[in-house]
Amino acid sequence: MSYIIASDLNQALQILRDSKGQARVIAGATDLFLQTLPAELVDLAELYETTQLEESGGLLSIGSAVTHASAARSLLIRSKAAALAEACAMIGSPQVRNIGTIGGNVANAAPAADAAVALVALGAKAVITDIEGQTREEAVEELYAGYNRSVIDSSSEIIGRLVFKPCAAGEGSAFMRFAPRRALALPLVNVAARIRVSGRRIEAVRMVAAPVKPAPTRLFETEALLQEIIPGHEIWAKVEEAAASEVEVRGSILRCSGQYRRHLVGTLAERVLKEAYQRACASDGGET
């Protein structure tokens, strides 16, 4: 097996073209040894194109090789995409966060990947370039081909960056998870939300939970409860009930029952929506 550190995106794509399907791109590679090793590895972790984090043209752009630790510390992400900062701060251990990447969290296609759940709630798209030089954008939730299977072919395609509109005045986001341990444990449930308000009235909401289906899953029925209203105690109670009843989840002898996981979805949904709502109201200059 050979290992190449690419100097720029064009070189990485050329290596993939020349390898004819025998090479694979990596960045943090924290899950690499859980899988079959390819003949050739192409490391993207030092590419300028994949390591930048900036706000430009009305979008927040996060390079696919930006690490979880960098994202969690970033003042830009913490102020304009709090859900993503919170998700990245909970992934793995300090060692994993220091080397694991945003793009890898998406491309690995785990159904409850923390960063991916937050990105879906934020409305993020992946900017993907293939070996023919063609670039396209795909919503993060559309990149799942099944449980732990991505539509991204890492032998012929590269996620360059993730882009989405940052939270502006009157918007807020939040992320929470529940796991057996505070670190080094996969979540039994994780939930993220993004809310926009005018005054105290909710104008728009995106609510995402996992693991529900192979991909982070929008809870459309729960979102509908909050459209164009000023929420109070009764509404938050209905949100918890609606989120729990909307999902179809699997139980596991090793992890937890489906009934317990459904309960966790409802509980976290209420808490996350409340937190995102409070942040949105605070950024709008109002009180919750």
Protein backbone atom coordinates (compact mmCIF):
# COMPACT_ATOMS: atom_id res chain seq x y z
CA MET A 1 0.00 0.00 0.00
CA SER A 2 1.29 3.48 -0.88
CA TYR A 3 0.49 6.74 0.87
CA ILE A 4 0.59 10.14 -0.84
CA ILE A 5 0.05 13.56 0.71
CA ALA A 6 -1.55 15.62 -2.07
CA SER A 7 -0.27 19.18 -2.51
CA ASP A 8 -3.42 20.52 -4.17
CA LEU A 9 -6.84 19.40 -5.40
CA ASN A 10 -5.70 18.94 -9.01
CA GLN A 11 -2.92 16.58 -7.97
CA ALA A 12 -5.31 14.56 -5.83
CA LEU A 13 -7.75 14.19 -8.72
CA GLN A 14 -4.93 13.21 -11.09
CA ILE A 15 -3.79 10.47 -8.72
CA LEU A 16 -7.34 9.13 -8.58
CA ARG A 17 -7.56 9.18 -12.39
CA ASP A 18 -4.26 7.35 -12.79
CA SER A 19 -5.11 4.73 -10.16
CA LYS A 20 -8.25 3.59 -12.03
CA GLY A 21 -10.27 2.88 -8.89
CA GLN A 22 -7.43 1.48 -6.76
CA ALA A 23 -6.83 4.67 -4.72
CA ARG A 24 -8.95 6.26 -2.03
CA VAL A 25 -8.96 9.76 -0.56
CA ILE A 26 -8.63 10.24 3.19
CA ALA A 27 -8.20 13.15 5.61
CA GLY A 28 -8.39 12.19 9.30
CA ALA A 29 -8.83 8.46 8.49
CA THR A 30 -10.03 7.72 12.03
CA ASP A 31 -12.24 4.86 10.77
CA LEU A 32 -9.94 3.64 8.02
CA PHE A 33 -8.70 0.49 9.75
CA LEU A 34 -12.25 -0.67 10.36
CA GLN A 35 -12.54 -1.10 6.60
CA THR A 36 -10.73 -2.87 3.77
CA LEU A 37 -7.52 -1.02 2.98
CA PRO A 38 -7.06 0.14 -0.65
CA ALA A 39 -3.85 -0.14 -2.64
CA GLU A 40 -3.21 3.60 -2.48
CA LEU A 41 -4.18 6.36 -0.04
CA VAL A 42 -4.38 10.03 -1.02
CA ASP A 43 -4.26 12.35 1.99
CA LEU A 44 -6.21 15.63 1.62
CA ALA A 45 -5.43 16.99 5.09
CA GLU A 46 -2.90 19.58 3.88
CA LEU A 47 -4.79 20.92 0.85
CA TYR A 48 -5.54 24.64 0.95
CA GLU A 49 -8.94 23.99 -0.64
CA THR A 50 -10.04 21.56 2.06
CA THR A 51 -8.68 23.29 5.17
CA GLN A 52 -10.26 26.76 4.90
CA LEU A 53 -13.10 27.99 7.09
CA GLU A 54 -14.65 31.29 6.04
CA GLU A 55 -17.79 33.33 5.48
CA SER A 56 -18.09 34.62 1.93
CA GLY A 57 -20.85 35.47 -0.52
CA GLY A 58 -23.56 34.98 2.09
CA LEU A 59 -22.42 31.43 2.87
CA LEU A 60 -20.37 29.79 5.57
CA SER A 61 -17.84 27.53 3.84
CA ILE A 62 -16.10 24.77 5.79
CA GLY A 63 -13.32 22.79 4.14
CA SER A 64 -13.85 19.04 4.28
CA ALA A 65 -10.51 18.55 6.07
CA VAL A 66 -11.31 21.02 8.86
CA THR A 67 -11.03 18.99 12.06
CA HIS A 68 -13.76 18.60 14.66
CA ALA A 69 -11.55 20.33 17.23
CA SER A 70 -11.02 23.32 14.94
CA ALA A 71 -14.74 23.59 14.24
CA ALA A 72 -15.63 23.33 17.93
CA ARG A 73 -13.18 26.14 18.78
CA SER A 74 -14.03 28.42 15.86
CA LEU A 75 -15.66 31.67 16.99
CA LEU A 76 -17.28 31.95 13.54
CA ILE A 77 -18.97 28.54 13.83
CA ARG A 78 -19.86 29.01 17.47
CA SER A 79 -21.57 32.33 16.73
CA LYS A 80 -23.22 31.48 13.39
CA ALA A 81 -23.65 27.68 13.48
CA ALA A 82 -23.76 26.77 17.16
CA ALA A 83 -25.28 23.34 16.48
CA LEU A 84 -22.20 22.30 14.49
CA ALA A 85 -19.77 23.55 17.15
CA GLU A 86 -21.69 21.64 19.82
CA ALA A 87 -21.79 18.47 17.71
CA CYS A 88 -18.08 18.55 16.91
CA ALA A 89 -17.21 19.09 20.59
CA MET A 90 -18.91 15.78 21.47
CA ILE A 91 -17.31 13.51 18.88
CA GLY A 92 -14.99 10.77 20.13
CA SER A 93 -12.07 11.82 22.32
CA PRO A 94 -9.68 14.81 22.17
CA GLN A 95 -7.35 12.72 20.02
CA VAL A 96 -10.13 11.83 17.57
CA ARG A 97 -11.38 15.43 17.43
CA ASN A 98 -7.87 16.67 16.71
CA ILE A 99 -7.53 14.50 13.60
CA GLY A 100 -11.07 13.57 12.51
CA THR A 101 -12.63 15.84 9.90
CA ILE A 102 -15.99 17.35 8.98
CA GLY A 103 -15.91 15.86 5.49
CA GLY A 104 -14.98 12.44 6.81
CA ASN A 105 -17.91 12.51 9.22
CA VAL A 106 -20.20 13.05 6.23
CA ALA A 107 -18.51 10.67 3.77
CA ASN A 108 -18.35 7.83 6.30
CA ALA A 109 -22.18 7.79 6.19
CA ALA A 110 -22.82 6.63 9.75
CA PRO A 111 -26.53 7.23 10.42
CA ALA A 112 -25.94 9.08 13.71
CA ALA A 113 -22.73 10.96 12.85
CA ASP A 114 -22.89 14.03 15.09
CA ALA A 115 -21.47 16.63 12.69
CA ALA A 116 -23.60 15.35 9.81
CA VAL A 117 -26.78 15.62 11.90
CA ALA A 118 -25.96 19.24 12.72
CA LEU A 119 -25.11 20.01 9.09
CA VAL A 120 -28.46 18.67 7.89
CA ALA A 121 -30.29 20.82 10.44
CA LEU A 122 -28.32 23.83 9.20
CA GLY A 123 -29.27 23.07 5.59
CA ALA A 124 -25.73 22.30 4.43
CA LYS A 125 -24.67 21.11 0.99
CA ALA A 126 -21.50 19.25 0.04
CA VAL A 127 -19.46 20.60 -2.88
CA ILE A 128 -18.15 17.52 -4.72
CA THR A 129 -15.59 17.32 -7.53
CA ASP A 130 -15.07 14.16 -9.59
CA ILE A 131 -12.06 12.94 -11.57
CA GLU A 132 -13.49 14.47 -14.75
CA GLY A 133 -13.31 17.89 -13.10
CA GLN A 134 -17.07 18.23 -12.80
CA THR A 135 -18.34 19.92 -9.64
CA ARG A 136 -21.80 19.55 -8.14
CA GLU A 137 -23.61 20.37 -4.90
CA GLU A 138 -25.62 17.81 -2.96
CA ALA A 139 -27.64 18.25 0.24
CA VAL A 140 -25.86 16.34 3.00
CA GLU A 141 -28.92 14.19 3.70
CA GLU A 142 -28.89 13.03 0.05
CA LEU A 143 -25.40 11.51 0.36
CA TYR A 144 -26.57 8.33 2.12
CA ALA A 145 -27.03 5.19 0.04
CA GLY A 146 -27.91 3.04 3.07
CA TYR A 147 -26.67 2.29 6.56
CA ASN A 148 -22.97 3.22 6.58
CA ARG A 149 -22.97 3.48 2.78
CA SER A 150 -22.31 6.77 1.01
CA VAL A 151 -23.18 7.78 -2.53
CA ILE A 152 -19.73 9.41 -2.59
CA ASP A 153 -17.16 7.20 -4.33
CA SER A 154 -13.91 8.04 -2.54
CA SER A 155 -11.91 6.47 -5.38
CA SER A 156 -13.22 9.01 -7.91
CA GLU A 157 -14.86 11.91 -6.00
CA ILE A 158 -13.73 14.45 -3.42
CA ILE A 159 -15.84 16.51 -1.04
CA GLY A 160 -14.07 19.86 -1.12
CA ARG A 161 -16.20 21.79 1.34
CA LEU A 162 -19.56 22.05 3.08
CA VAL A 163 -21.58 25.25 2.57
CA PHE A 164 -24.70 26.72 4.15
CA LYS A 165 -26.22 30.05 5.14
CA PRO A 166 -24.93 31.15 8.56
CA CYS A 167 -27.42 31.99 11.28
CA ALA A 168 -28.24 35.68 11.07
CA ALA A 169 -30.13 37.97 13.47
CA GLY A 170 -33.31 36.23 14.56
CA GLU A 171 -31.87 32.75 13.99
CA GLY A 172 -30.51 30.13 16.35
CA SER A 173 -29.41 26.50 16.26
CA ALA A 174 -28.64 23.81 18.82
CA PHE A 175 -27.49 20.18 19.09
CA MET A 176 -27.80 17.55 21.82
CA ARG A 177 -27.03 13.86 22.09
CA PHE A 178 -27.57 11.04 24.57
CA ALA A 179 -24.97 8.29 24.93
CA PRO A 180 -24.00 5.71 27.57
CA ARG A 181 -20.84 7.70 28.31
CA ARG A 182 -19.85 11.34 27.87
CA ALA A 183 -17.03 10.39 25.49
CA LEU A 184 -15.95 7.54 23.21
CA ALA A 185 -19.49 6.26 22.75
CA LEU A 186 -21.86 6.35 19.81
CA PRO A 187 -25.06 8.26 20.59
CA LEU A 188 -28.27 6.38 21.25
CA VAL A 189 -29.98 9.49 19.89
CA ASN A 190 -28.81 12.86 18.63
CA VAL A 191 -30.97 15.80 17.62
CA ALA A 192 -30.29 19.20 16.02
CA ALA A 193 -32.49 22.15 15.10
CA ARG A 194 -32.37 25.53 13.42
CA ILE A 195 -35.04 28.18 14.02
CA ARG A 196 -35.79 31.63 12.60
CA VAL A 197 -38.03 34.04 14.50
CA SER A 198 -39.54 37.47 14.03
CA GLY A 199 -40.24 38.97 17.42
CA ARG A 200 -41.05 35.76 19.30
CA ARG A 201 -43.00 34.15 16.46
CA ILE A 202 -41.36 31.20 14.69
CA GLU A 203 -41.08 31.77 10.94
CA ALA A 204 -39.07 28.68 9.96
CA VAL A 205 -37.67 25.56 11.61
CA ARG A 206 -35.54 22.57 10.60
CA MET A 207 -35.54 19.61 12.97
CA VAL A 208 -33.30 16.55 12.52
CA ALA A 209 -32.95 13.34 14.52
CA ALA A 210 -30.80 10.21 14.26
CA PRO A 211 -30.44 7.28 14.12
CA VAL A 212 -33.93 6.97 12.68
CA LYS A 213 -33.22 6.00 9.08
CA PRO A 214 -29.93 5.47 7.20
CA ALA A 215 -29.54 9.26 6.94
CA PRO A 216 -30.09 12.06 9.47
CA THR A 217 -33.85 12.50 9.28
CA ARG A 218 -36.02 15.62 9.12
CA LEU A 219 -39.02 15.54 11.48
CA PHE A 220 -41.48 17.34 9.23
CA GLU A 221 -44.58 16.74 11.35
CA THR A 222 -42.88 18.16 14.43
CA GLU A 223 -41.65 21.14 12.43
CA ALA A 224 -45.22 21.84 11.28
CA LEU A 225 -46.39 22.26 14.89
CA LEU A 226 -44.14 25.28 15.31
CA GLN A 227 -44.80 27.18 12.10
CA GLU A 228 -46.03 30.76 12.59
CA ILE A 229 -46.67 30.49 16.33
CA ILE A 230 -45.31 31.89 19.58
CA PRO A 231 -44.60 28.69 21.52
CA GLY A 232 -45.57 28.19 25.15
CA HIS A 233 -45.59 25.34 27.65
CA GLU A 234 -48.41 23.45 25.93
CA ILE A 235 -46.70 23.60 22.54
CA TRP A 236 -43.38 22.32 23.90
CA ALA A 237 -45.19 19.37 25.48
CA LYS A 238 -46.83 18.61 22.12
CA VAL A 239 -43.44 18.82 20.42
CA GLU A 240 -42.05 16.10 22.67
CA GLU A 241 -45.04 13.87 21.98
CA ALA A 242 -45.02 14.54 18.22
CA ALA A 243 -41.30 13.87 17.78
CA ALA A 244 -41.52 10.60 19.70
CA SER A 245 -44.51 9.39 17.71
CA GLU A 246 -43.15 10.53 14.32
CA VAL A 247 -40.04 8.34 14.30
CA GLU A 248 -39.71 4.67 13.53
CA VAL A 249 -36.65 3.37 15.34
CA ARG A 250 -34.97 0.03 15.87
CA GLY A 251 -34.20 -1.54 19.21
CA SER A 252 -31.07 -3.51 20.09
CA ILE A 253 -30.27 -5.99 22.84
CA LEU A 254 -26.79 -4.47 23.08
CA ARG A 255 -27.85 -0.81 23.13
CA CYS A 256 -31.47 0.00 24.00
CA SER A 257 -35.06 -0.82 23.13
CA GLY A 258 -36.93 0.95 20.36
CA GLN A 259 -39.38 2.31 22.93
CA TYR A 260 -36.59 3.89 24.97
CA ARG A 261 -34.95 5.39 21.88
CA ARG A 262 -38.29 6.85 20.80
CA HIS A 263 -38.66 8.42 24.26
CA LEU A 264 -35.17 9.92 23.94
CA VAL A 265 -36.01 11.45 20.55
CA GLY A 266 -39.01 13.22 22.07
CA THR A 267 -37.12 14.44 25.12
CA LEU A 268 -34.13 15.75 23.18
CA ALA A 269 -36.36 17.28 20.50
CA GLU A 270 -38.10 19.46 23.06
CA ARG A 271 -34.84 20.52 24.70
CA VAL A 272 -33.04 21.26 21.44
CA LEU A 273 -35.94 23.25 20.00
CA LYS A 274 -36.24 25.29 23.18
CA GLU A 275 -32.52 26.08 23.13
CA ALA A 276 -32.51 27.02 19.44
CA TYR A 277 -35.63 29.15 19.98
CA GLN A 278 -34.07 30.99 22.94
CA ARG A 279 -30.93 31.70 20.93
CA ALA A 280 -32.98 32.94 17.99
CA CYS A 281 -35.01 35.27 20.21
CA ALA A 282 -31.87 36.55 21.91
CA SER A 283 -30.19 37.33 18.58
CA ASP A 284 -33.38 39.09 17.45
CA GLY A 285 -33.18 41.37 20.46
CA GLY A 286 -36.24 39.85 22.10
CA GLU A 287 -36.84 37.93 25.31
CA THR A 288 -37.89 34.28 25.62
